Amino acid sequence: MLKKSLFFISVFLIFAVNASAADVADKVQSKYETVSSLEAEVEQIQTTAASGQEEERIGRIYYKEPELVRWVTESPEKEVLIVGPEVVWDYFPEESTAYKYPVQEILSSKTMIRFISGKANLKEDFKIERQGREDGLLKLKLVPEKPELNLVLAYIWVSDKDWLVKRVLVVDYWGNGNELRLSGIEINHGLDDGLFDFSPPEDVLIQDNTQQ
């Protein structure tokens, strides 16, 4: 597993008040198919079930087709997560350590990347239950047809004005919660490919997990 960052998110789907789940799923899928790039401010709240302790992390995320991601956490600890065409880098400047992973480890599972890119199979992967509205957003409960350790239950909050997911809460097998709140979302503004390149500094310790 990736350190910290890749316990994230897995899904996205939406359900409007006067439309069937299938109809709205098609609408949201169509919306995300038009998204070639996305960037947003991110607030992440991780909750440990055993202790009830919460950790808040603030940063910014960038996504570009086909599946490029740059996730920069500014507080409480600086972290740079880069998902490139072939490998994933998870870099912690304060620790002078960078972790390297095969990209297939992420793209083959229900992670944040599939959620943002809209590549999840909305109609087949989840059972959906309406939860009304909260903070002006549509709230849905999502139960995966094939649960994974990092995803046994999820809730999402979606705007029915732009059909973008604004908030996600994922619950893992142990009951731990991982919540992501997106704000200031910008789509299709164009992002340079160089934003998703990473070369670790010479003095950084590299933990290479691509050979395992």
C-alpha atoms as a PDB file:
ATOM      1  CA  MET A   1       0.000   0.000   0.000  1.00  0.00           C
ATOM      2  CA  LEU A   2       1.124   3.515  -0.585  1.00  0.00           C
ATOM      3  CA  LYS A   3       2.044   5.443   2.526  1.00  0.00           C
ATOM      4  CA  LYS A   4      -0.883   7.590   3.685  1.00  0.00           C
ATOM      5  CA  SER A   5      -2.171   8.951   0.415  1.00  0.00           C
ATOM      6  CA  LEU A   6      -3.434   5.873  -1.370  1.00  0.00           C
ATOM      7  CA  PHE A   7      -6.027   4.904   1.216  1.00  0.00           C
ATOM      8  CA  PHE A   8      -8.240   7.202  -0.682  1.00  0.00           C
ATOM      9  CA  ILE A   9     -11.310   7.308  -2.442  1.00  0.00           C
ATOM     10  CA  SER A  10     -12.793   4.837  -4.769  1.00  0.00           C
ATOM     11  CA  VAL A  11     -15.991   5.764  -6.419  1.00  0.00           C
ATOM     12  CA  PHE A  12     -18.217   8.286  -7.905  1.00  0.00           C
ATOM     13  CA  LEU A  13     -21.919   8.178  -8.808  1.00  0.00           C
ATOM     14  CA  ILE A  14     -24.947  10.399  -8.458  1.00  0.00           C
ATOM     15  CA  PHE A  15     -28.684  10.199  -8.041  1.00  0.00           C
ATOM     16  CA  ALA A  16     -31.022  13.140  -8.746  1.00  0.00           C
ATOM     17  CA  VAL A  17     -34.363  13.616  -7.008  1.00  0.00           C
ATOM     18  CA  ASN A  18     -36.669  12.899  -9.946  1.00  0.00           C
ATOM     19  CA  ALA A  19     -34.566  10.597 -12.085  1.00  0.00           C
ATOM     20  CA  SER A  20     -33.690   6.920 -12.000  1.00  0.00           C
ATOM     21  CA  ALA A  21     -30.264   5.831 -10.845  1.00  0.00           C
ATOM     22  CA  ALA A  22     -29.444   4.526 -14.319  1.00  0.00           C
ATOM     23  CA  ASP A  23     -30.439   7.775 -16.031  1.00  0.00           C
ATOM     24  CA  VAL A  24     -28.406   9.917 -13.663  1.00  0.00           C
ATOM     25  CA  ALA A  25     -25.453   7.534 -13.807  1.00  0.00           C
ATOM     26  CA  ASP A  26     -25.439   7.988 -17.569  1.00  0.00           C
ATOM     27  CA  LYS A  27     -25.570  11.762 -17.150  1.00  0.00           C
ATOM     28  CA  VAL A  28     -22.682  11.854 -14.686  1.00  0.00           C
ATOM     29  CA  GLN A  29     -20.644   9.406 -16.740  1.00  0.00           C
ATOM     30  CA  SER A  30     -21.185  11.631 -19.762  1.00  0.00           C
ATOM     31  CA  LYS A  31     -20.119  14.674 -17.760  1.00  0.00           C
ATOM     32  CA  TYR A  32     -16.845  13.136 -16.651  1.00  0.00           C
ATOM     33  CA  GLU A  33     -16.139  11.885 -20.150  1.00  0.00           C
ATOM     34  CA  THR A  34     -15.844  15.550 -21.152  1.00  0.00           C
ATOM     35  CA  VAL A  35     -13.284  16.236 -18.416  1.00  0.00           C
ATOM     36  CA  SER A  36      -9.763  16.225 -19.867  1.00  0.00           C
ATOM     37  CA  SER A  37      -8.233  17.892 -16.814  1.00  0.00           C
ATOM     38  CA  LEU A  38      -9.277  18.824 -13.302  1.00  0.00           C
ATOM     39  CA  GLU A  39      -7.736  20.682 -10.384  1.00  0.00           C
ATOM     40  CA  ALA A  40      -9.121  21.516  -6.971  1.00  0.00           C
ATOM     41  CA  GLU A  41      -8.325  22.414  -3.401  1.00  0.00           C
ATOM     42  CA  VAL A  42      -8.470  19.334  -1.169  1.00  0.00           C
ATOM     43  CA  GLU A  43      -9.323  18.876   2.480  1.00  0.00           C
ATOM     44  CA  GLN A  44      -8.804  15.330   3.690  1.00  0.00           C
ATOM     45  CA  ILE A  45     -10.011  14.019   7.038  1.00  0.00           C
ATOM     46  CA  GLN A  46      -8.893  10.582   8.149  1.00  0.00           C
ATOM     47  CA  THR A  47     -10.630   9.036  11.168  1.00  0.00           C
ATOM     48  CA  THR A  48      -9.310   6.048  13.119  1.00  0.00           C
ATOM     49  CA  ALA A  49     -12.187   3.864  14.273  1.00  0.00           C
ATOM     50  CA  ALA A  50     -10.449   2.399  17.316  1.00  0.00           C
ATOM     51  CA  SER A  51      -9.518   5.732  18.891  1.00  0.00           C
ATOM     52  CA  GLY A  52     -11.822   8.189  17.151  1.00  0.00           C
ATOM     53  CA  GLN A  53      -8.771  10.301  16.392  1.00  0.00           C
ATOM     54  CA  GLU A  54      -8.946  12.567  13.343  1.00  0.00           C
ATOM     55  CA  GLU A  55      -6.153  13.865  11.127  1.00  0.00           C
ATOM     56  CA  GLU A  56      -6.786  16.736   8.731  1.00  0.00           C
ATOM     57  CA  ARG A  57      -4.647  17.299   5.662  1.00  0.00           C
ATOM     58  CA  ILE A  58      -4.824  20.245   3.278  1.00  0.00           C
ATOM     59  CA  GLY A  59      -3.520  20.457  -0.273  1.00  0.00           C
ATOM     60  CA  ARG A  60      -4.303  20.568  -3.974  1.00  0.00           C
ATOM     61  CA  ILE A  61      -4.911  17.890  -6.576  1.00  0.00           C
ATOM     62  CA  TYR A  62      -4.406  17.890 -10.349  1.00  0.00           C
ATOM     63  CA  TYR A  63      -5.698  15.326 -12.819  1.00  0.00           C
ATOM     64  CA  LYS A  64      -5.118  14.985 -16.556  1.00  0.00           C
ATOM     65  CA  GLU A  65      -6.219  12.396 -19.077  1.00  0.00           C
ATOM     66  CA  PRO A  66      -5.570   9.590 -19.487  1.00  0.00           C
ATOM     67  CA  GLU A  67      -4.651   8.897 -15.814  1.00  0.00           C
ATOM     68  CA  LEU A  68      -2.064  11.412 -14.616  1.00  0.00           C
ATOM     69  CA  VAL A  69      -2.308  12.751 -11.075  1.00  0.00           C
ATOM     70  CA  ARG A  70      -0.376  15.211  -8.953  1.00  0.00           C
ATOM     71  CA  TRP A  71      -1.512  15.486  -5.324  1.00  0.00           C
ATOM     72  CA  VAL A  72       0.348  17.987  -3.171  1.00  0.00           C
ATOM     73  CA  THR A  73      -0.313  18.051   0.569  1.00  0.00           C
ATOM     74  CA  GLU A  74       0.878  21.220   2.300  1.00  0.00           C
ATOM     75  CA  SER A  75      -0.086  20.531   5.916  1.00  0.00           C
ATOM     76  CA  PRO A  76       0.456  19.104   8.418  1.00  0.00           C
ATOM     77  CA  GLU A  77       3.330  17.497   6.464  1.00  0.00           C
ATOM     78  CA  LYS A  78       4.469  18.240   2.926  1.00  0.00           C
ATOM     79  CA  GLU A  79       3.849  15.336   0.583  1.00  0.00           C
ATOM     80  CA  VAL A  80       3.920  15.049  -3.209  1.00  0.00           C
ATOM     81  CA  LEU A  81       2.145  12.129  -4.850  1.00  0.00           C
ATOM     82  CA  ILE A  82       2.744  11.727  -8.589  1.00  0.00           C
ATOM     83  CA  VAL A  83       0.967   9.143 -10.727  1.00  0.00           C
ATOM     84  CA  GLY A  84       2.729   9.013 -14.065  1.00  0.00           C
ATOM     85  CA  PRO A  85       2.308   6.807 -17.126  1.00  0.00           C
ATOM     86  CA  GLU A  86       4.445   3.977 -15.719  1.00  0.00           C
ATOM     87  CA  VAL A  87       5.240   4.540 -12.030  1.00  0.00           C
ATOM     88  CA  VAL A  88       3.926   6.247  -8.917  1.00  0.00           C
ATOM     89  CA  TRP A  89       6.067   8.444  -6.683  1.00  0.00           C
ATOM     90  CA  ASP A  90       5.158   9.335  -3.095  1.00  0.00           C
ATOM     91  CA  TYR A  91       7.676  11.921  -1.874  1.00  0.00           C
ATOM     92  CA  PHE A  92       8.096  13.257   1.675  1.00  0.00           C
ATOM     93  CA  PRO A  93      10.551  16.189   1.629  1.00  0.00           C
ATOM     94  CA  GLU A  94      10.858  16.474   5.424  1.00  0.00           C
ATOM     95  CA  GLU A  95      11.837  12.795   5.626  1.00  0.00           C
ATOM     96  CA  SER A  96      14.044  13.007   2.512  1.00  0.00           C
ATOM     97  CA  THR A  97      12.350   9.805   1.350  1.00  0.00           C
ATOM     98  CA  ALA A  98      10.546   8.877  -1.860  1.00  0.00           C
ATOM     99  CA  TYR A  99       8.525   5.708  -2.389  1.00  0.00           C
ATOM    100  CA  LYS A 100       8.219   4.229  -5.875  1.00  0.00           C
ATOM    101  CA  TYR A 101       5.362   1.918  -6.909  1.00  0.00           C
ATOM    102  CA  PRO A 102       4.087   0.270 -10.112  1.00  0.00           C
ATOM    103  CA  VAL A 103       1.218   2.258 -11.543  1.00  0.00           C
ATOM    104  CA  GLN A 104      -0.856  -0.903 -12.037  1.00  0.00           C
ATOM    105  CA  GLU A 105      -1.129  -1.216  -8.255  1.00  0.00           C
ATOM    106  CA  ILE A 106      -3.347   1.853  -8.255  1.00  0.00           C
ATOM    107  CA  LEU A 107      -5.184   1.694 -11.535  1.00  0.00           C
ATOM    108  CA  SER A 108      -6.334  -1.888 -11.031  1.00  0.00           C
ATOM    109  CA  SER A 109      -8.202  -1.079  -7.810  1.00  0.00           C
ATOM    110  CA  LYS A 110     -10.938   1.310  -6.696  1.00  0.00           C
ATOM    111  CA  THR A 111      -8.825   4.303  -5.816  1.00  0.00           C
ATOM    112  CA  MET A 112      -9.100   8.051  -5.892  1.00  0.00           C
ATOM    113  CA  ILE A 113      -7.788   8.061  -9.455  1.00  0.00           C
ATOM    114  CA  ARG A 114     -10.678   6.026 -10.809  1.00  0.00           C
ATOM    115  CA  PHE A 115     -13.074   8.208  -8.866  1.00  0.00           C
ATOM    116  CA  ILE A 116     -11.727  11.447 -10.289  1.00  0.00           C
ATOM    117  CA  SER A 117     -11.359  10.189 -13.829  1.00  0.00           C
ATOM    118  CA  GLY A 118     -14.829   8.666 -13.982  1.00  0.00           C
ATOM    119  CA  LYS A 119     -13.532   5.287 -15.093  1.00  0.00           C
ATOM    120  CA  ALA A 120     -15.468   3.300 -12.491  1.00  0.00           C
ATOM    121  CA  ASN A 121     -18.293   1.178 -13.855  1.00  0.00           C
ATOM    122  CA  LEU A 122     -21.136   3.092 -12.246  1.00  0.00           C
ATOM    123  CA  LYS A 123     -24.006   0.816 -13.181  1.00  0.00           C
ATOM    124  CA  GLU A 124     -22.409  -2.478 -12.221  1.00  0.00           C
ATOM    125  CA  ASP A 125     -20.038  -1.812  -9.315  1.00  0.00           C
ATOM    126  CA  PHE A 126     -22.340  -0.351  -6.653  1.00  0.00           C
ATOM    127  CA  LYS A 127     -25.688  -0.607  -4.928  1.00  0.00           C
ATOM    128  CA  ILE A 128     -27.050   2.918  -4.409  1.00  0.00           C
ATOM    129  CA  GLU A 129     -29.288   4.329  -1.704  1.00  0.00           C
ATOM    130  CA  ARG A 130     -30.524   7.913  -1.593  1.00  0.00           C
ATOM    131  CA  GLN A 131     -29.728   9.810   1.594  1.00  0.00           C
ATOM    132  CA  GLY A 132     -31.506  13.104   0.837  1.00  0.00           C
ATOM    133  CA  ARG A 133     -29.651  16.417   0.825  1.00  0.00           C
ATOM    134  CA  GLU A 134     -26.922  17.772   3.036  1.00  0.00           C
ATOM    135  CA  ASP A 135     -25.354  21.236   2.802  1.00  0.00           C
ATOM    136  CA  GLY A 136     -27.186  21.773  -0.481  1.00  0.00           C
ATOM    137  CA  LEU A 137     -25.720  18.637  -2.059  1.00  0.00           C
ATOM    138  CA  LEU A 138     -27.254  15.313  -3.021  1.00  0.00           C
ATOM    139  CA  LYS A 139     -26.050  12.574  -0.685  1.00  0.00           C
ATOM    140  CA  LEU A 140     -25.763   8.928  -1.691  1.00  0.00           C
ATOM    141  CA  LYS A 141     -24.831   5.768   0.126  1.00  0.00           C
ATOM    142  CA  LEU A 142     -22.796   3.383  -2.037  1.00  0.00           C
ATOM    143  CA  VAL A 143     -22.221  -0.276  -1.280  1.00  0.00           C
ATOM    144  CA  PRO A 144     -19.722  -2.005  -3.611  1.00  0.00           C
ATOM    145  CA  GLU A 145     -20.799  -5.242  -5.244  1.00  0.00           C
ATOM    146  CA  LYS A 146     -17.285  -6.555  -4.608  1.00  0.00           C
ATOM    147  CA  PRO A 147     -15.946  -4.974  -1.399  1.00  0.00           C
ATOM    148  CA  GLU A 148     -12.214  -4.471  -0.932  1.00  0.00           C
ATOM    149  CA  LEU A 149     -10.327  -4.064   2.337  1.00  0.00           C
ATOM    150  CA  ASN A 150     -10.041  -0.334   1.704  1.00  0.00           C
ATOM    151  CA  LEU A 151     -13.658   0.050   0.591  1.00  0.00           C
ATOM    152  CA  VAL A 152     -16.680  -1.627   2.157  1.00  0.00           C
ATOM    153  CA  LEU A 153     -18.940   1.439   2.239  1.00  0.00           C
ATOM    154  CA  ALA A 154     -18.926   4.957   0.818  1.00  0.00           C
ATOM    155  CA  TYR A 155     -20.947   8.147   0.844  1.00  0.00           C
ATOM    156  CA  ILE A 156     -20.734  10.858  -1.786  1.00  0.00           C
ATOM    157  CA  TRP A 157     -22.124  14.368  -2.032  1.00  0.00           C
ATOM    158  CA  VAL A 158     -22.782  15.771  -5.497  1.00  0.00           C
ATOM    159  CA  SER A 159     -23.925  19.106  -6.883  1.00  0.00           C
ATOM    160  CA  ASP A 160     -26.900  18.819  -9.217  1.00  0.00           C
ATOM    161  CA  LYS A 161     -25.869  22.150 -10.752  1.00  0.00           C
ATOM    162  CA  ASP A 162     -22.667  20.974 -12.408  1.00  0.00           C
ATOM    163  CA  TRP A 163     -22.808  17.189 -11.744  1.00  0.00           C
ATOM    164  CA  LEU A 164     -19.406  17.214 -10.049  1.00  0.00           C
ATOM    165  CA  VAL A 165     -18.598  15.266  -6.900  1.00  0.00           C
ATOM    166  CA  LYS A 166     -17.753  17.661  -4.083  1.00  0.00           C
ATOM    167  CA  ARG A 167     -17.224  15.300  -1.175  1.00  0.00           C
ATOM    168  CA  VAL A 168     -16.508  11.610  -0.617  1.00  0.00           C
ATOM    169  CA  LEU A 169     -16.362   9.481   2.519  1.00  0.00           C
ATOM    170  CA  VAL A 170     -14.914   5.985   2.257  1.00  0.00           C
ATOM    171  CA  VAL A 171     -15.084   3.418   5.060  1.00  0.00           C
ATOM    172  CA  ASP A 172     -12.659   0.496   5.104  1.00  0.00           C
ATOM    173  CA  TYR A 173     -12.978  -3.031   6.517  1.00  0.00           C
ATOM    174  CA  TRP A 174     -11.801  -1.891   9.956  1.00  0.00           C
ATOM    175  CA  GLY A 175     -14.273   0.991  10.133  1.00  0.00           C
ATOM    176  CA  ASN A 176     -11.734   3.727   9.498  1.00  0.00           C
ATOM    177  CA  GLY A 177     -13.044   6.727   7.589  1.00  0.00           C
ATOM    178  CA  ASN A 178     -11.333   8.641   4.818  1.00  0.00           C
ATOM    179  CA  GLU A 179     -13.126  11.803   3.735  1.00  0.00           C
ATOM    180  CA  LEU A 180     -12.182  14.068   0.861  1.00  0.00           C
ATOM    181  CA  ARG A 181     -13.707  17.503   0.264  1.00  0.00           C
ATOM    182  CA  LEU A 182     -13.045  19.270  -3.018  1.00  0.00           C
ATOM    183  CA  SER A 183     -13.510  23.014  -3.505  1.00  0.00           C
ATOM    184  CA  GLY A 184     -12.683  25.526  -6.219  1.00  0.00           C
ATOM    185  CA  ILE A 185     -12.892  22.795  -8.860  1.00  0.00           C
ATOM    186  CA  GLU A 186     -11.611  23.828 -12.291  1.00  0.00           C
ATOM    187  CA  ILE A 187     -12.014  21.569 -15.307  1.00  0.00           C
ATOM    188  CA  ASN A 188     -10.525  21.556 -18.807  1.00  0.00           C
ATOM    189  CA  HIS A 189      -8.153  24.476 -18.228  1.00  0.00           C
ATOM    190  CA  GLY A 190      -5.231  22.523 -19.648  1.00  0.00           C
ATOM    191  CA  LEU A 191      -2.346  21.210 -17.569  1.00  0.00           C
ATOM    192  CA  ASP A 192       1.236  20.827 -18.745  1.00  0.00           C
ATOM    193  CA  ASP A 193       2.537  17.247 -18.836  1.00  0.00           C
ATOM    194  CA  GLY A 194       5.614  18.407 -16.938  1.00  0.00           C
ATOM    195  CA  LEU A 195       3.436  18.855 -13.864  1.00  0.00           C
ATOM    196  CA  PHE A 196       3.312  15.067 -13.598  1.00  0.00           C
ATOM    197  CA  ASP A 197       7.050  14.446 -13.930  1.00  0.00           C
ATOM    198  CA  PHE A 198       9.154  13.677 -10.880  1.00  0.00           C
ATOM    199  CA  SER A 199      12.908  13.307 -10.403  1.00  0.00           C
ATOM    200  CA  PRO A 200      13.936  12.706  -6.783  1.00  0.00           C
ATOM    201  CA  PRO A 201      16.718  14.962  -5.451  1.00  0.00           C
ATOM    202  CA  GLU A 202      20.137  13.347  -5.141  1.00  0.00           C
ATOM    203  CA  ASP A 203      20.082  13.233  -1.343  1.00  0.00           C
ATOM    204  CA  VAL A 204      16.706  11.464  -1.135  1.00  0.00           C
ATOM    205  CA  LEU A 205      16.405   7.860   0.009  1.00  0.00           C
ATOM    206  CA  ILE A 206      14.389   5.881  -2.563  1.00  0.00           C
ATOM    207  CA  GLN A 207      12.262   2.934  -1.482  1.00  0.00           C
ATOM    208  CA  ASP A 208      11.691   1.064  -4.739  1.00  0.00           C
ATOM    209  CA  ASN A 209       8.629  -1.202  -4.653  1.00  0.00           C
ATOM    210  CA  THR A 210       8.416  -1.762  -8.394  1.00  0.00           C
ATOM    211  CA  GLN A 211      10.574  -4.903  -8.291  1.00  0.00           C
ATOM    212  CA  GLN A 212       8.507  -6.791  -5.746  1.00  0.00           C
END
